[in-house]
């Protein structure tokens, strides 16, 4: 999770943020935010993304990073 977040922060100047989440035991969760190619700000929960990707073993790191980029609108797709 931290590697995905670090990649997004270093490559796309994404940033960590905290958002309210009533489904979380703490009432909040950490997300990564970035402005996509279209200028819209988007959020990604890196813990959720990595958790979903772990169910489809073997883990493909390049696919994981591509999903993160697409979720934030940072890829050409």
N, C-alpha and C. Protein backbone atom coordinates (compact mmCIF):
# COMPACT_ATOMS: atom_id res chain seq x y z
N UNK A 1 0.82 -1.18 0.00
CA UNK A 1 0.00 0.00 0.00
C UNK A 1 0.87 1.26 0.00
N UNK A 2 1.87 1.29 0.85
CA UNK A 2 2.71 2.48 0.91
C UNK A 2 3.54 2.65 -0.35
N UNK A 3 3.92 1.55 -0.98
CA UNK A 3 4.69 1.65 -2.23
C UNK A 3 3.84 2.24 -3.34
N UNK A 4 2.57 1.84 -3.42
CA UNK A 4 1.66 2.40 -4.42
C UNK A 4 1.48 3.90 -4.16
N UNK A 5 1.24 4.25 -2.91
CA UNK A 5 1.05 5.66 -2.57
C UNK A 5 2.32 6.46 -2.86
N UNK A 6 3.46 5.93 -2.49
CA UNK A 6 4.72 6.63 -2.73
C UNK A 6 4.96 6.83 -4.22
N UNK A 7 4.66 5.82 -5.03
CA UNK A 7 4.78 5.94 -6.48
C UNK A 7 3.91 7.09 -7.00
N UNK A 8 2.66 7.16 -6.55
CA UNK A 8 1.75 8.20 -7.02
C UNK A 8 2.19 9.59 -6.56
N UNK A 9 2.67 9.69 -5.33
CA UNK A 9 3.14 10.97 -4.81
C UNK A 9 4.37 11.44 -5.59
N UNK A 10 5.31 10.56 -5.81
CA UNK A 10 6.55 10.96 -6.49
C UNK A 10 6.37 11.19 -7.99
N UNK A 11 5.53 10.40 -8.61
CA UNK A 11 5.37 10.48 -10.06
C UNK A 11 4.37 11.54 -10.49
N UNK A 12 3.29 11.69 -9.71
CA UNK A 12 2.19 12.56 -10.14
C UNK A 12 1.88 13.69 -9.16
N UNK A 13 2.74 13.91 -8.18
CA UNK A 13 2.52 14.93 -7.16
C UNK A 13 1.17 14.74 -6.45
N UNK A 14 0.75 13.48 -6.30
CA UNK A 14 -0.45 13.17 -5.53
C UNK A 14 -0.17 13.48 -4.07
N UNK A 15 -1.20 13.50 -3.25
CA UNK A 15 -1.02 13.83 -1.85
C UNK A 15 -1.96 12.99 -0.98
N UNK A 16 -1.51 12.75 0.23
CA UNK A 16 -2.34 12.06 1.21
C UNK A 16 -3.40 13.01 1.73
N UNK A 17 -4.56 12.45 2.08
CA UNK A 17 -5.62 13.23 2.72
C UNK A 17 -6.40 12.30 3.63
N UNK A 18 -7.19 12.86 4.49
CA UNK A 18 -8.06 12.11 5.39
C UNK A 18 -9.49 12.48 5.05
N UNK A 19 -10.36 11.47 4.89
CA UNK A 19 -11.76 11.71 4.59
C UNK A 19 -12.64 11.00 5.62
N UNK A 20 -13.79 11.56 5.87
CA UNK A 20 -14.75 10.96 6.77
C UNK A 20 -15.29 9.68 6.16
N UNK A 21 -15.38 8.64 7.00
CA UNK A 21 -15.93 7.36 6.56
C UNK A 21 -16.65 6.71 7.73
N UNK A 22 -17.97 6.77 7.70
CA UNK A 22 -18.77 6.22 8.80
C UNK A 22 -18.68 4.71 8.89
N UNK A 23 -18.23 4.04 7.83
CA UNK A 23 -18.10 2.59 7.86
C UNK A 23 -16.79 2.14 8.51
N UNK A 24 -15.88 3.06 8.69
CA UNK A 24 -14.60 2.74 9.32
C UNK A 24 -14.73 2.81 10.84
N UNK A 25 -14.06 1.92 11.56
CA UNK A 25 -14.12 1.96 13.03
C UNK A 25 -13.64 3.31 13.60
N UNK A 26 -12.72 3.96 12.91
CA UNK A 26 -12.19 5.24 13.38
C UNK A 26 -13.03 6.42 12.92
N UNK A 27 -13.90 6.19 11.92
CA UNK A 27 -14.72 7.28 11.39
C UNK A 27 -14.05 8.05 10.27
N UNK A 28 -12.87 7.62 9.87
CA UNK A 28 -12.15 8.26 8.77
C UNK A 28 -11.25 7.23 8.10
N UNK A 29 -10.73 7.61 6.94
CA UNK A 29 -9.75 6.76 6.26
C UNK A 29 -8.79 7.65 5.50
N UNK A 30 -7.65 7.09 5.20
CA UNK A 30 -6.62 7.80 4.44
C UNK A 30 -6.78 7.50 2.96
N UNK A 31 -6.66 8.54 2.15
CA UNK A 31 -6.76 8.39 0.70
C UNK A 31 -5.62 9.16 0.05
N UNK A 32 -5.41 8.83 -1.21
CA UNK A 32 -4.48 9.58 -2.05
C UNK A 32 -5.33 10.42 -2.99
N UNK A 33 -5.00 11.68 -3.15
CA UNK A 33 -5.70 12.58 -4.06
C UNK A 33 -4.74 13.06 -5.14
N UNK A 34 -5.27 13.19 -6.34
CA UNK A 34 -4.46 13.72 -7.44
C UNK A 34 -5.40 14.35 -8.46
N UNK A 35 -4.87 15.32 -9.19
CA UNK A 35 -5.61 15.92 -10.30
C UNK A 35 -5.34 15.07 -11.53
N UNK A 36 -6.41 14.58 -12.14
CA UNK A 36 -6.28 13.77 -13.35
C UNK A 36 -5.91 14.62 -14.55
N UNK A 37 -5.71 13.97 -15.67
CA UNK A 37 -5.36 14.68 -16.90
C UNK A 37 -6.44 15.67 -17.32
N UNK A 38 -7.68 15.42 -16.90
CA UNK A 38 -8.78 16.31 -17.22
C UNK A 38 -8.94 17.45 -16.22
N UNK A 39 -8.05 17.50 -15.21
CA UNK A 39 -8.08 18.55 -14.22
C UNK A 39 -8.97 18.27 -13.02
N UNK A 40 -9.73 17.18 -13.06
CA UNK A 40 -10.60 16.81 -11.93
C UNK A 40 -9.78 16.16 -10.82
N UNK A 41 -10.07 16.54 -9.59
CA UNK A 41 -9.43 15.90 -8.44
C UNK A 41 -10.16 14.61 -8.14
N UNK A 42 -9.38 13.55 -7.91
CA UNK A 42 -9.95 12.24 -7.60
C UNK A 42 -9.25 11.68 -6.37
N UNK A 43 -9.94 10.73 -5.73
CA UNK A 43 -9.40 10.08 -4.54
C UNK A 43 -9.29 8.58 -4.77
N UNK A 44 -8.31 8.01 -4.13
CA UNK A 44 -8.09 6.57 -4.20
C UNK A 44 -7.73 6.08 -2.81
N UNK A 45 -8.37 5.00 -2.39
CA UNK A 45 -8.03 4.35 -1.13
C UNK A 45 -7.00 3.27 -1.46
N UNK A 46 -5.71 3.53 -1.22
CA UNK A 46 -4.69 2.55 -1.60
C UNK A 46 -4.83 1.22 -0.86
N UNK A 47 -5.32 1.24 0.37
CA UNK A 47 -5.49 -0.02 1.12
C UNK A 47 -6.54 -0.88 0.44
N UNK A 48 -7.63 -0.28 0.01
CA UNK A 48 -8.70 -1.02 -0.66
C UNK A 48 -8.21 -1.57 -2.00
N UNK A 49 -7.50 -0.74 -2.75
CA UNK A 49 -6.98 -1.17 -4.05
C UNK A 49 -6.05 -2.37 -3.91
N UNK A 50 -5.12 -2.30 -3.00
CA UNK A 50 -4.17 -3.40 -2.80
C UNK A 50 -4.90 -4.64 -2.29
N UNK A 51 -5.86 -4.46 -1.40
CA UNK A 51 -6.64 -5.60 -0.91
C UNK A 51 -7.37 -6.32 -2.02
N UNK A 52 -7.98 -5.55 -2.93
CA UNK A 52 -8.67 -6.16 -4.07
C UNK A 52 -7.69 -6.91 -4.98
N UNK A 53 -6.54 -6.31 -5.19
CA UNK A 53 -5.54 -6.92 -6.09
C UNK A 53 -4.96 -8.19 -5.49
N UNK A 54 -4.86 -8.27 -4.18
CA UNK A 54 -4.30 -9.46 -3.53
C UNK A 54 -5.18 -10.70 -3.72
N UNK A 55 -6.45 -10.51 -3.99
CA UNK A 55 -7.35 -11.65 -4.21
C UNK A 55 -7.07 -12.33 -5.54
N UNK A 56 -6.45 -11.66 -6.48
CA UNK A 56 -6.19 -12.23 -7.79
C UNK A 56 -4.74 -12.65 -7.95
N UNK A 57 -4.29 -13.51 -7.09
CA UNK A 57 -2.89 -13.95 -7.14
C UNK A 57 -2.58 -14.67 -8.42
N UNK A 58 -1.39 -14.60 -8.93
CA UNK A 58 -0.25 -13.89 -8.36
C UNK A 58 -0.41 -12.38 -8.54
N UNK A 59 0.17 -11.65 -7.64
CA UNK A 59 0.09 -10.20 -7.65
C UNK A 59 0.94 -9.66 -8.79
N UNK A 60 0.34 -8.84 -9.62
CA UNK A 60 1.04 -8.18 -10.72
C UNK A 60 1.21 -6.71 -10.37
N UNK A 61 2.41 -6.33 -9.99
CA UNK A 61 2.65 -4.97 -9.53
C UNK A 61 2.35 -3.95 -10.62
N UNK A 62 2.70 -4.24 -11.85
CA UNK A 62 2.44 -3.28 -12.93
C UNK A 62 0.93 -3.09 -13.13
N UNK A 63 0.15 -4.14 -12.98
CA UNK A 63 -1.31 -4.03 -13.08
C UNK A 63 -1.86 -3.21 -11.91
N UNK A 64 -1.30 -3.41 -10.74
CA UNK A 64 -1.71 -2.66 -9.56
C UNK A 64 -1.47 -1.16 -9.77
N UNK A 65 -0.31 -0.80 -10.25
CA UNK A 65 0.00 0.61 -10.50
C UNK A 65 -0.87 1.18 -11.61
N UNK A 66 -1.13 0.39 -12.64
CA UNK A 66 -1.99 0.84 -13.73
C UNK A 66 -3.41 1.10 -13.23
N UNK A 67 -3.92 0.23 -12.35
CA UNK A 67 -5.26 0.45 -11.78
C UNK A 67 -5.29 1.72 -10.95
N UNK A 68 -4.24 1.99 -10.19
CA UNK A 68 -4.18 3.20 -9.39
C UNK A 68 -4.16 4.44 -10.28
N UNK A 69 -3.35 4.40 -11.33
CA UNK A 69 -3.30 5.53 -12.26
C UNK A 69 -4.66 5.76 -12.92
N UNK A 70 -5.31 4.69 -13.35
CA UNK A 70 -6.63 4.82 -14.01
C UNK A 70 -7.68 5.37 -13.04
N UNK A 71 -7.65 4.92 -11.79
CA UNK A 71 -8.63 5.37 -10.80
C UNK A 71 -8.51 6.87 -10.53
N UNK A 72 -7.30 7.39 -10.65
CA UNK A 72 -7.08 8.82 -10.41
C UNK A 72 -7.14 9.64 -11.70
N UNK A 73 -7.39 8.98 -12.83
CA UNK A 73 -7.47 9.70 -14.09
C UNK A 73 -6.13 10.16 -14.60
N UNK A 74 -5.07 9.44 -14.25
CA UNK A 74 -3.72 9.85 -14.62
C UNK A 74 -3.19 9.16 -15.87
N UNK A 75 -3.91 8.14 -16.34
CA UNK A 75 -3.44 7.38 -17.50
C UNK A 75 -4.15 7.86 -18.75
N UNK A 76 -3.66 7.43 -19.88
CA UNK A 76 -4.25 7.81 -21.17
C UNK A 76 -5.52 7.03 -21.47
N UNK A 77 -5.75 5.93 -20.74
CA UNK A 77 -6.92 5.09 -21.01
C UNK A 77 -8.20 5.71 -20.54
